[in-house]
Every structure is written in structure tokens, then in C-alpha cells.
Amino acid sequence: MTPQIISVDDEVRANAAVLAQESEEADGESCGHDCMSVSSRIKDFLKGNAKYAVEYALLKHAALAFVVSVILHGMALRSFLFERSGLFVWFVYLDIAVISILTALRHLFMQPRKLPCLVGMMIGMTLGMQTGMMLGTIIGATNGLVVGALAGMILGILVGANAGNCCGIMGVMEGMMAGVMGGTMGGMIGAMFSLDHILWFMPFFMLANVAIIAGLSLMVYEEIAKKKSRSNTIEGCWEFVCICIIIAAALTLLIVYGPKTGVAGGLWK
């Protein structure tokens, strides 16, 4: 074998080794091999470390938005919706759903992106599914299957596509598919469970959905925030509160004045 052939062969092997190393590094970054376990991350978060300044601020803004929204809903029921007092518990669930979804979106949009396809698809799928599921169930229980499924599906598609866009068309498609599935499934859950102790079911259902959204924000931190530089300051507290109130108010109007179909539509007087 000539020296020229040997040198070319060595160069090919060297290039292959470099490519393999880069591939392993990329896989390790996207799969989070250096991530803490969930329990360790939660314990670290509860210690009050400054590296979580953005997340602490987001939680404070979300808590403020929830308190203001519940107070406004209570005032509305006492002032001109007093004959529909049975809807108050559904307004509380509506506030929880809207604020948790918007908080997760805000946390996502604050991070430096673009993301790997696998991570972006997971983000789009989770937010699309949970948006359609939670809002579809709430509106399905108060207005019936058709309205709940339509509202949940449309909102799930919008949120899922917007969130999944961080990785391009694959994330958008995943978010839209999850919105279709979650919205229609949520409408069915709300309509069917209205006939069988839905008020016992809802606390566990909402807790599970909020936990999934919190897990998504944890994944966003592990995959993006801790690996890339970002600002530790967050502004726009009252702007966020106002957005939450506006969206919750629009959905409240749909619940109160929207079409009522089936058995579920007439239960909550």
C-alpha cells in the first residue's frame, strides 16, 4: 500500500471519529444526560437559588394573576351573574387553566431558541394537548360536548402550533395534532362526567394537568435555560396579569352566553 493511500485512509478515519464525537455530544445535549433527577431539581429549586430568579418571578406573577382573576370572577357573580352562582367553581378552574398555560408559554418564549426537533415536538405536543384537554373539559361541562370540543380544539391548535414553532414545521404539526386530540377528548370528558360526580373528578384532573405543564417547564429549563445565557430579570408583571384577565374574560363570556347543548349545558345554574 502506497504512502498516499495510507494518508488518505488515516484522514477518512480521523474525520469519522470527529463526526462520531460531535454526534455523541449533540445527543447528550438534546437528551439531557447531565440533567438532575426530578426530585433533586425540585429540592434545588426550593432552596431559593439565584439561578432560578426568572422562574420565581414567573410564579409570583402567576399567583398575582390568579388572585386578581378569582376576585374579579367573584365580583361579577355577585353583581350581575348572581343567578349563575353554580358556575363559580368552573371559573376558578378556568383561571387555573388559563394562567398555567400562559405561564408555561411565557417561560418558553423567554428562553434563547432554536431547539432540536425532539424537544420542540414535545413542547408543542404537551401544550397543545393540555390546553385542549383542560379548556375543552371545562367548557364541555358548562356548555355541552359540541361547544367544549370546538373551543378546546381551536385553542389547543393555536397554542400547540405557536409553542411547537420553536423547532419548525415538525413542532407545529405535533402541536396541531395534539390540539385536535386534546380538545375533542376534553369536550367528551366534560360532557360525560357531568352525569357522574364531575366535581369529585375535577380537582384530581386539574392537578394532573398542571403537574404535566410544570414538568414541561422543568424540561425547558434542563434543555435550554441552564445551557444558554439568558437575562435573570423579568418585567411586564401587570401586562401578563392583564393578558390573563382578558383571555379568561373572553372564555367566561363564552361559558355564560354561549350555546348550551345536551345535558351538560343545563346543569350549572
C-alpha atoms as a PDB file:
ATOM      1  CA  MET A   1       0.000   0.000   0.000  1.00  0.00           C
ATOM      2  CA  THR A   2       1.458   3.346  -1.036  1.00  0.00           C
ATOM      3  CA  PRO A   3       2.069   6.163   1.459  1.00  0.00           C
ATOM      4  CA  GLN A   4      -0.547   8.312  -0.350  1.00  0.00           C
ATOM      5  CA  ILE A   5      -3.283   5.697   0.112  1.00  0.00           C
ATOM      6  CA  ILE A   6      -2.327   5.239   3.791  1.00  0.00           C
ATOM      7  CA  SER A   7      -2.554   9.016   4.435  1.00  0.00           C
ATOM      8  CA  VAL A   8      -5.976   9.226   2.772  1.00  0.00           C
ATOM      9  CA  ASP A   9      -7.215   6.263   4.805  1.00  0.00           C
ATOM     10  CA  ASP A  10      -5.990   7.859   8.040  1.00  0.00           C
ATOM     11  CA  GLU A  11      -7.690  11.131   7.130  1.00  0.00           C
ATOM     12  CA  VAL A  12     -11.008   9.370   6.496  1.00  0.00           C
ATOM     13  CA  ARG A  13     -10.787   7.605   9.857  1.00  0.00           C
ATOM     14  CA  ALA A  14      -9.952  10.846  11.635  1.00  0.00           C
ATOM     15  CA  ASN A  15     -12.920  12.616  10.048  1.00  0.00           C
ATOM     16  CA  ALA A  16     -15.212   9.731  11.011  1.00  0.00           C
ATOM     17  CA  ALA A  17     -14.009   9.910  14.609  1.00  0.00           C
ATOM     18  CA  VAL A  18     -14.670  13.661  14.753  1.00  0.00           C
ATOM     19  CA  LEU A  19     -18.172  13.220  13.347  1.00  0.00           C
ATOM     20  CA  ALA A  20     -18.943  10.446  15.844  1.00  0.00           C
ATOM     21  CA  GLN A  21     -17.768  12.602  18.737  1.00  0.00           C
ATOM     22  CA  GLU A  22     -19.875  15.553  17.579  1.00  0.00           C
ATOM     23  CA  SER A  23     -22.884  13.266  17.232  1.00  0.00           C
ATOM     24  CA  GLU A  24     -22.432  11.938  20.769  1.00  0.00           C
ATOM     25  CA  GLU A  25     -22.130  15.473  22.137  1.00  0.00           C
ATOM     26  CA  ALA A  26     -25.279  16.547  20.311  1.00  0.00           C
ATOM     27  CA  ASP A  27     -27.188  13.513  21.581  1.00  0.00           C
ATOM     28  CA  GLY A  28     -26.033  14.167  25.108  1.00  0.00           C
ATOM     29  CA  GLU A  29     -27.154  17.785  24.908  1.00  0.00           C
ATOM     30  CA  SER A  30     -30.590  17.042  23.464  1.00  0.00           C
ATOM     31  CA  CYS A  31     -31.309  14.069  25.713  1.00  0.00           C
ATOM     32  CA  GLY A  32     -30.129  15.773  28.870  1.00  0.00           C
ATOM     33  CA  HIS A  33     -27.624  13.171  30.129  1.00  0.00           C
ATOM     34  CA  ASP A  34     -26.243  15.766  32.541  1.00  0.00           C
ATOM     35  CA  CYS A  35     -29.665  16.644  33.935  1.00  0.00           C
ATOM     36  CA  MET A  36     -30.539  16.293  37.597  1.00  0.00           C
ATOM     37  CA  SER A  37     -33.231  13.859  38.582  1.00  0.00           C
ATOM     38  CA  VAL A  38     -36.663  15.401  39.042  1.00  0.00           C
ATOM     39  CA  SER A  39     -36.566  15.109  42.838  1.00  0.00           C
ATOM     40  CA  SER A  40     -33.068  16.610  43.016  1.00  0.00           C
ATOM     41  CA  ARG A  41     -34.083  19.504  40.763  1.00  0.00           C
ATOM     42  CA  ILE A  42     -37.173  20.230  42.877  1.00  0.00           C
ATOM     43  CA  LYS A  43     -35.120  20.204  46.087  1.00  0.00           C
ATOM     44  CA  ASP A  44     -32.585  22.516  44.487  1.00  0.00           C
ATOM     45  CA  PHE A  45     -35.383  24.821  43.307  1.00  0.00           C
ATOM     46  CA  LEU A  46     -36.919  25.015  46.783  1.00  0.00           C
ATOM     47  CA  LYS A  47     -33.615  26.199  48.253  1.00  0.00           C
ATOM     48  CA  GLY A  48     -34.117  29.613  46.657  1.00  0.00           C
ATOM     49  CA  ASN A  49     -31.048  29.655  44.409  1.00  0.00           C
ATOM     50  CA  ALA A  50     -30.499  32.817  42.409  1.00  0.00           C
ATOM     51  CA  LYS A  51     -30.192  30.831  39.175  1.00  0.00           C
ATOM     52  CA  TYR A  52     -33.964  30.320  39.311  1.00  0.00           C
ATOM     53  CA  ALA A  53     -34.730  34.050  39.563  1.00  0.00           C
ATOM     54  CA  VAL A  54     -36.784  34.003  36.345  1.00  0.00           C
ATOM     55  CA  GLU A  55     -38.857  31.020  37.477  1.00  0.00           C
ATOM     56  CA  TYR A  56     -39.520  32.541  40.916  1.00  0.00           C
ATOM     57  CA  ALA A  57     -40.683  35.769  39.300  1.00  0.00           C
ATOM     58  CA  LEU A  58     -42.955  33.871  36.908  1.00  0.00           C
ATOM     59  CA  LEU A  59     -44.576  32.039  39.816  1.00  0.00           C
ATOM     60  CA  LYS A  60     -45.182  35.317  41.657  1.00  0.00           C
ATOM     61  CA  HIS A  61     -46.773  36.865  38.574  1.00  0.00           C
ATOM     62  CA  ALA A  62     -48.938  33.768  38.078  1.00  0.00           C
ATOM     63  CA  ALA A  63     -50.088  33.848  41.713  1.00  0.00           C
ATOM     64  CA  LEU A  64     -50.984  37.536  41.403  1.00  0.00           C
ATOM     65  CA  ALA A  65     -52.908  36.907  38.175  1.00  0.00           C
ATOM     66  CA  PHE A  66     -54.818  34.046  39.818  1.00  0.00           C
ATOM     67  CA  VAL A  67     -55.829  36.099  42.854  1.00  0.00           C
ATOM     68  CA  VAL A  68     -56.964  39.034  40.717  1.00  0.00           C
ATOM     69  CA  SER A  69     -58.890  36.776  38.317  1.00  0.00           C
ATOM     70  CA  VAL A  70     -60.714  34.940  41.113  1.00  0.00           C
ATOM     71  CA  ILE A  71     -61.657  38.237  42.774  1.00  0.00           C
ATOM     72  CA  LEU A  72     -62.999  39.631  39.504  1.00  0.00           C
ATOM     73  CA  HIS A  73     -64.994  36.473  38.865  1.00  0.00           C
ATOM     74  CA  GLY A  74     -66.440  36.652  42.363  1.00  0.00           C
ATOM     75  CA  MET A  75     -67.394  40.296  41.859  1.00  0.00           C
ATOM     76  CA  ALA A  76     -69.018  39.506  38.517  1.00  0.00           C
ATOM     77  CA  LEU A  77     -71.098  36.699  40.015  1.00  0.00           C
ATOM     78  CA  ARG A  78     -72.193  38.856  42.926  1.00  0.00           C
ATOM     79  CA  SER A  79     -73.046  41.869  40.758  1.00  0.00           C
ATOM     80  CA  PHE A  80     -74.827  40.636  37.630  1.00  0.00           C
ATOM     81  CA  LEU A  81     -74.415  36.858  37.434  1.00  0.00           C
ATOM     82  CA  PHE A  82     -75.800  36.031  40.872  1.00  0.00           C
ATOM     83  CA  GLU A  83     -78.364  33.658  39.362  1.00  0.00           C
ATOM     84  CA  ARG A  84     -75.457  31.566  37.972  1.00  0.00           C
ATOM     85  CA  SER A  85     -73.561  31.128  41.251  1.00  0.00           C
ATOM     86  CA  GLY A  86     -73.032  27.426  40.466  1.00  0.00           C
ATOM     87  CA  LEU A  87     -70.513  28.484  37.824  1.00  0.00           C
ATOM     88  CA  PHE A  88     -68.044  29.905  40.338  1.00  0.00           C
ATOM     89  CA  VAL A  89     -66.117  26.651  40.755  1.00  0.00           C
ATOM     90  CA  TRP A  90     -65.785  26.408  36.959  1.00  0.00           C
ATOM     91  CA  PHE A  91     -64.482  29.963  36.801  1.00  0.00           C
ATOM     92  CA  VAL A  92     -61.798  29.001  39.333  1.00  0.00           C
ATOM     93  CA  TYR A  93     -60.798  26.011  37.196  1.00  0.00           C
ATOM     94  CA  LEU A  94     -60.813  28.305  34.147  1.00  0.00           C
ATOM     95  CA  ASP A  95     -58.425  30.711  35.895  1.00  0.00           C
ATOM     96  CA  ILE A  96     -56.103  27.847  36.835  1.00  0.00           C
ATOM     97  CA  ALA A  97     -56.052  26.536  33.270  1.00  0.00           C
ATOM     98  CA  VAL A  98     -55.525  29.892  31.553  1.00  0.00           C
ATOM     99  CA  ILE A  99     -52.817  31.096  33.939  1.00  0.00           C
ATOM    100  CA  SER A 100     -50.861  27.831  33.961  1.00  0.00           C
ATOM    101  CA  ILE A 101     -50.868  27.663  30.145  1.00  0.00           C
ATOM    102  CA  LEU A 102     -49.839  31.303  29.709  1.00  0.00           C
ATOM    103  CA  THR A 103     -47.126  30.987  32.365  1.00  0.00           C
ATOM    104  CA  ALA A 104     -45.635  27.981  30.559  1.00  0.00           C
ATOM    105  CA  LEU A 105     -45.755  29.846  27.242  1.00  0.00           C
ATOM    106  CA  ARG A 106     -44.114  32.896  28.766  1.00  0.00           C
ATOM    107  CA  HIS A 107     -41.366  30.766  30.285  1.00  0.00           C
ATOM    108  CA  LEU A 108     -40.765  29.119  26.911  1.00  0.00           C
ATOM    109  CA  PHE A 109     -40.644  32.376  24.951  1.00  0.00           C
ATOM    110  CA  MET A 110     -38.132  33.903  27.364  1.00  0.00           C
ATOM    111  CA  GLN A 111     -35.514  31.279  26.530  1.00  0.00           C
ATOM    112  CA  PRO A 112     -32.919  31.571  23.777  1.00  0.00           C
ATOM    113  CA  ARG A 113     -34.023  29.252  20.965  1.00  0.00           C
ATOM    114  CA  LYS A 114     -33.956  27.400  18.297  1.00  0.00           C
ATOM    115  CA  LEU A 115     -34.482  23.904  19.667  1.00  0.00           C
ATOM    116  CA  PRO A 116     -33.802  20.351  18.463  1.00  0.00           C
ATOM    117  CA  CYS A 117     -36.788  18.763  16.757  1.00  0.00           C
ATOM    118  CA  LEU A 118     -37.364  16.191  19.510  1.00  0.00           C
ATOM    119  CA  VAL A 119     -37.575  18.847  22.236  1.00  0.00           C
ATOM    120  CA  GLY A 120     -39.705  21.194  20.125  1.00  0.00           C
ATOM    121  CA  MET A 121     -42.141  18.437  19.225  1.00  0.00           C
ATOM    122  CA  MET A 122     -42.509  17.514  22.898  1.00  0.00           C
ATOM    123  CA  ILE A 123     -43.208  21.153  23.778  1.00  0.00           C
ATOM    124  CA  GLY A 124     -45.804  21.548  21.027  1.00  0.00           C
ATOM    125  CA  MET A 125     -47.489  18.250  21.872  1.00  0.00           C
ATOM    126  CA  THR A 126     -47.662  18.925  25.615  1.00  0.00           C
ATOM    127  CA  LEU A 127     -49.010  22.476  25.417  1.00  0.00           C
ATOM    128  CA  GLY A 128     -51.414  21.637  22.586  1.00  0.00           C
ATOM    129  CA  MET A 129     -52.765  18.594  24.415  1.00  0.00           C
ATOM    130  CA  GLN A 130     -53.076  20.171  27.865  1.00  0.00           C
ATOM    131  CA  THR A 131     -54.649  23.360  26.506  1.00  0.00           C
ATOM    132  CA  GLY A 132     -57.282  21.461  24.562  1.00  0.00           C
ATOM    133  CA  MET A 133     -57.845  18.983  27.387  1.00  0.00           C
ATOM    134  CA  MET A 134     -58.294  21.468  30.247  1.00  0.00           C
ATOM    135  CA  LEU A 135     -60.282  24.140  28.432  1.00  0.00           C
ATOM    136  CA  GLY A 136     -62.305  21.596  26.464  1.00  0.00           C
ATOM    137  CA  THR A 137     -63.306  19.799  29.664  1.00  0.00           C
ATOM    138  CA  ILE A 138     -64.307  22.996  31.466  1.00  0.00           C
ATOM    139  CA  ILE A 139     -66.359  24.375  28.584  1.00  0.00           C
ATOM    140  CA  GLY A 140     -67.741  20.938  27.759  1.00  0.00           C
ATOM    141  CA  ALA A 141     -69.078  20.624  31.307  1.00  0.00           C
ATOM    142  CA  THR A 142     -70.753  24.052  31.249  1.00  0.00           C
ATOM    143  CA  ASN A 143     -71.873  24.316  27.618  1.00  0.00           C
ATOM    144  CA  GLY A 144     -72.025  20.792  26.269  1.00  0.00           C
ATOM    145  CA  LEU A 145     -69.945  18.486  24.085  1.00  0.00           C
ATOM    146  CA  VAL A 146     -70.032  20.413  20.803  1.00  0.00           C
ATOM    147  CA  VAL A 147     -69.046  23.814  22.202  1.00  0.00           C
ATOM    148  CA  GLY A 148     -66.453  22.326  24.538  1.00  0.00           C
ATOM    149  CA  ALA A 149     -64.834  20.231  21.819  1.00  0.00           C
ATOM    150  CA  LEU A 150     -64.776  23.099  19.319  1.00  0.00           C
ATOM    151  CA  ALA A 151     -63.366  25.618  21.794  1.00  0.00           C
ATOM    152  CA  GLY A 152     -60.806  23.184  23.189  1.00  0.00           C
ATOM    153  CA  MET A 153     -59.705  22.052  19.731  1.00  0.00           C
ATOM    154  CA  ILE A 154     -59.294  25.578  18.340  1.00  0.00           C
ATOM    155  CA  LEU A 155     -57.431  26.877  21.404  1.00  0.00           C
ATOM    156  CA  GLY A 156     -55.294  23.724  21.588  1.00  0.00           C
ATOM    157  CA  ILE A 157     -54.295  24.047  17.938  1.00  0.00           C
ATOM    158  CA  LEU A 158     -53.388  27.729  18.334  1.00  0.00           C
ATOM    159  CA  VAL A 159     -51.315  27.213  21.468  1.00  0.00           C
ATOM    160  CA  GLY A 160     -49.719  23.955  20.316  1.00  0.00           C
ATOM    161  CA  ALA A 161     -48.701  25.328  16.909  1.00  0.00           C
ATOM    162  CA  ASN A 162     -47.325  28.516  18.449  1.00  0.00           C
ATOM    163  CA  ALA A 163     -45.311  26.606  21.055  1.00  0.00           C
ATOM    164  CA  GLY A 164     -44.059  23.942  18.638  1.00  0.00           C
ATOM    165  CA  ASN A 165     -42.880  26.535  16.140  1.00  0.00           C
ATOM    166  CA  CYS A 166     -39.620  26.726  18.115  1.00  0.00           C
ATOM    167  CA  CYS A 167     -38.340  23.768  16.064  1.00  0.00           C
ATOM    168  CA  GLY A 168     -40.094  24.418  12.759  1.00  0.00           C
ATOM    169  CA  ILE A 169     -42.812  22.553  10.891  1.00  0.00           C
ATOM    170  CA  MET A 170     -42.447  19.292  12.839  1.00  0.00           C
ATOM    171  CA  GLY A 171     -43.243  21.028  16.123  1.00  0.00           C
ATOM    172  CA  VAL A 172     -46.128  22.946  14.546  1.00  0.00           C
ATOM    173  CA  MET A 173     -47.671  19.731  13.191  1.00  0.00           C
ATOM    174  CA  GLU A 174     -47.245  17.955  16.523  1.00  0.00           C
ATOM    175  CA  GLY A 175     -48.866  20.854  18.371  1.00  0.00           C
ATOM    176  CA  MET A 176     -51.805  20.977  15.976  1.00  0.00           C
ATOM    177  CA  MET A 177     -52.405  17.226  16.157  1.00  0.00           C
ATOM    178  CA  ALA A 178     -52.269  17.337  19.957  1.00  0.00           C
ATOM    179  CA  GLY A 179     -54.719  20.262  19.983  1.00  0.00           C
ATOM    180  CA  VAL A 180     -57.212  18.325  17.853  1.00  0.00           C
ATOM    181  CA  MET A 181     -56.967  15.265  20.085  1.00  0.00           C
ATOM    182  CA  GLY A 182     -56.921  17.087  23.410  1.00  0.00           C
ATOM    183  CA  GLY A 183     -59.776  19.446  22.523  1.00  0.00           C
ATOM    184  CA  THR A 184     -62.184  16.768  21.359  1.00  0.00           C
ATOM    185  CA  MET A 185     -61.246  14.476  24.237  1.00  0.00           C
ATOM    186  CA  GLY A 186     -61.674  17.302  26.742  1.00  0.00           C
ATOM    187  CA  GLY A 187     -65.140  18.105  25.417  1.00  0.00           C
ATOM    188  CA  MET A 188     -66.141  14.458  25.808  1.00  0.00           C
ATOM    189  CA  ILE A 189     -64.773  14.290  29.351  1.00  0.00           C
ATOM    190  CA  GLY A 190     -66.677  17.404  30.402  1.00  0.00           C
ATOM    191  CA  ALA A 191     -69.954  16.284  28.851  1.00  0.00           C
ATOM    192  CA  MET A 192     -69.855  12.661  30.016  1.00  0.00           C
ATOM    193  CA  PHE A 193     -68.554  13.221  33.541  1.00  0.00           C
ATOM    194  CA  SER A 194     -71.220  15.867  34.166  1.00  0.00           C
ATOM    195  CA  LEU A 195     -73.605  12.937  34.662  1.00  0.00           C
ATOM    196  CA  ASP A 196     -71.423  11.225  37.269  1.00  0.00           C
ATOM    197  CA  HIS A 197     -69.846  13.327  40.063  1.00  0.00           C
ATOM    198  CA  ILE A 198     -67.647  15.533  37.918  1.00  0.00           C
ATOM    199  CA  LEU A 199     -66.950  17.846  40.866  1.00  0.00           C
ATOM    200  CA  TRP A 200     -65.182  14.943  42.599  1.00  0.00           C
ATOM    201  CA  PHE A 201     -63.174  14.239  39.479  1.00  0.00           C
ATOM    202  CA  MET A 202     -62.070  17.777  38.591  1.00  0.00           C
ATOM    203  CA  PRO A 203     -59.578  18.507  41.426  1.00  0.00           C
ATOM    204  CA  PHE A 204     -57.523  15.416  40.561  1.00  0.00           C
ATOM    205  CA  PHE A 205     -57.846  16.086  36.839  1.00  0.00           C
ATOM    206  CA  MET A 206     -56.669  19.688  37.115  1.00  0.00           C
ATOM    207  CA  LEU A 207     -53.836  18.751  39.472  1.00  0.00           C
ATOM    208  CA  ALA A 208     -52.561  16.169  36.981  1.00  0.00           C
ATOM    209  CA  ASN A 209     -52.713  18.630  34.078  1.00  0.00           C
ATOM    210  CA  VAL A 210     -50.952  21.410  35.979  1.00  0.00           C
ATOM    211  CA  ALA A 211     -48.273  18.925  37.076  1.00  0.00           C
ATOM    212  CA  ILE A 212     -47.676  17.982  33.430  1.00  0.00           C
ATOM    213  CA  ILE A 213     -47.314  21.654  32.467  1.00  0.00           C
ATOM    214  CA  ALA A 214     -44.908  22.173  35.387  1.00  0.00           C
ATOM    215  CA  GLY A 215     -42.919  19.180  34.146  1.00  0.00           C
ATOM    216  CA  LEU A 216     -42.742  20.806  30.719  1.00  0.00           C
ATOM    217  CA  SER A 217     -41.270  23.970  32.226  1.00  0.00           C
ATOM    218  CA  LEU A 218     -38.749  21.797  34.064  1.00  0.00           C
ATOM    219  CA  MET A 219     -37.781  20.213  30.745  1.00  0.00           C
ATOM    220  CA  VAL A 220     -37.443  23.665  29.172  1.00  0.00           C
ATOM    221  CA  TYR A 221     -35.068  24.657  31.958  1.00  0.00           C
ATOM    222  CA  GLU A 222     -32.999  21.486  31.632  1.00  0.00           C
ATOM    223  CA  GLU A 223     -32.770  21.606  27.832  1.00  0.00           C
ATOM    224  CA  ILE A 224     -32.407  25.353  27.264  1.00  0.00           C
ATOM    225  CA  ALA A 225     -32.169  27.693  30.224  1.00  0.00           C
ATOM    226  CA  LYS A 226     -29.260  26.153  32.110  1.00  0.00           C
ATOM    227  CA  LYS A 227     -27.223  25.623  28.914  1.00  0.00           C
ATOM    228  CA  LYS A 228     -27.566  29.058  27.342  1.00  0.00           C
ATOM    229  CA  SER A 229     -27.133  32.568  28.678  1.00  0.00           C
ATOM    230  CA  ARG A 230     -30.300  34.493  29.492  1.00  0.00           C
ATOM    231  CA  SER A 231     -31.320  37.545  31.464  1.00  0.00           C
ATOM    232  CA  ASN A 232     -32.171  36.961  35.123  1.00  0.00           C
ATOM    233  CA  THR A 233     -34.571  39.899  35.198  1.00  0.00           C
ATOM    234  CA  ILE A 234     -38.206  39.743  34.153  1.00  0.00           C
ATOM    235  CA  GLU A 235     -40.560  42.645  33.553  1.00  0.00           C
ATOM    236  CA  GLY A 236     -44.139  43.137  32.491  1.00  0.00           C
ATOM    237  CA  CYS A 237     -45.920  41.767  35.554  1.00  0.00           C
ATOM    238  CA  TRP A 238     -49.132  43.749  35.091  1.00  0.00           C
ATOM    239  CA  GLU A 239     -49.086  43.231  31.332  1.00  0.00           C
ATOM    240  CA  PHE A 240     -49.103  39.481  31.985  1.00  0.00           C
ATOM    241  CA  VAL A 241     -51.909  39.850  34.539  1.00  0.00           C
ATOM    242  CA  CYS A 242     -53.975  41.868  32.051  1.00  0.00           C
ATOM    243  CA  ILE A 243     -53.494  39.277  29.294  1.00  0.00           C
ATOM    244  CA  CYS A 244     -54.634  36.515  31.660  1.00  0.00           C
ATOM    245  CA  ILE A 245     -57.711  38.546  32.652  1.00  0.00           C
ATOM    246  CA  ILE A 246     -58.644  39.351  29.052  1.00  0.00           C
ATOM    247  CA  ILE A 247     -58.428  35.717  27.907  1.00  0.00           C
ATOM    248  CA  ALA A 248     -60.265  34.468  30.994  1.00  0.00           C
ATOM    249  CA  ALA A 249     -62.956  37.119  30.469  1.00  0.00           C
ATOM    250  CA  ALA A 250     -63.456  36.086  26.835  1.00  0.00           C
ATOM    251  CA  LEU A 251     -63.865  32.444  27.830  1.00  0.00           C
ATOM    252  CA  THR A 252     -66.171  33.483  30.680  1.00  0.00           C
ATOM    253  CA  LEU A 253     -68.456  35.213  28.195  1.00  0.00           C
ATOM    254  CA  LEU A 254     -68.475  32.035  26.101  1.00  0.00           C
ATOM    255  CA  ILE A 255     -69.403  29.953  29.144  1.00  0.00           C
ATOM    256  CA  VAL A 256     -72.188  32.304  30.287  1.00  0.00           C
ATOM    257  CA  TYR A 257     -73.691  33.433  26.987  1.00  0.00           C
ATOM    258  CA  GLY A 258     -72.516  30.761  24.541  1.00  0.00           C
ATOM    259  CA  PRO A 259     -74.694  27.951  23.179  1.00  0.00           C
ATOM    260  CA  LYS A 260     -75.768  25.227  25.614  1.00  0.00           C
ATOM    261  CA  THR A 261     -76.254  21.736  24.202  1.00  0.00           C
ATOM    262  CA  GLY A 262     -77.002  18.337  25.662  1.00  0.00           C
ATOM    263  CA  VAL A 263     -77.448  17.527  29.335  1.00  0.00           C
ATOM    264  CA  ALA A 264     -74.229  19.197  30.476  1.00  0.00           C
ATOM    265  CA  GLY A 265     -75.312  22.586  29.150  1.00  0.00           C
ATOM    266  CA  GLY A 266     -78.133  22.989  31.654  1.00  0.00           C
ATOM    267  CA  LEU A 267     -76.610  21.677  34.886  1.00  0.00           C
ATOM    268  CA  TRP A 268     -74.787  24.670  36.376  1.00  0.00           C
ATOM    269  CA  LYS A 269     -77.389  27.240  37.392  1.00  0.00           C
END
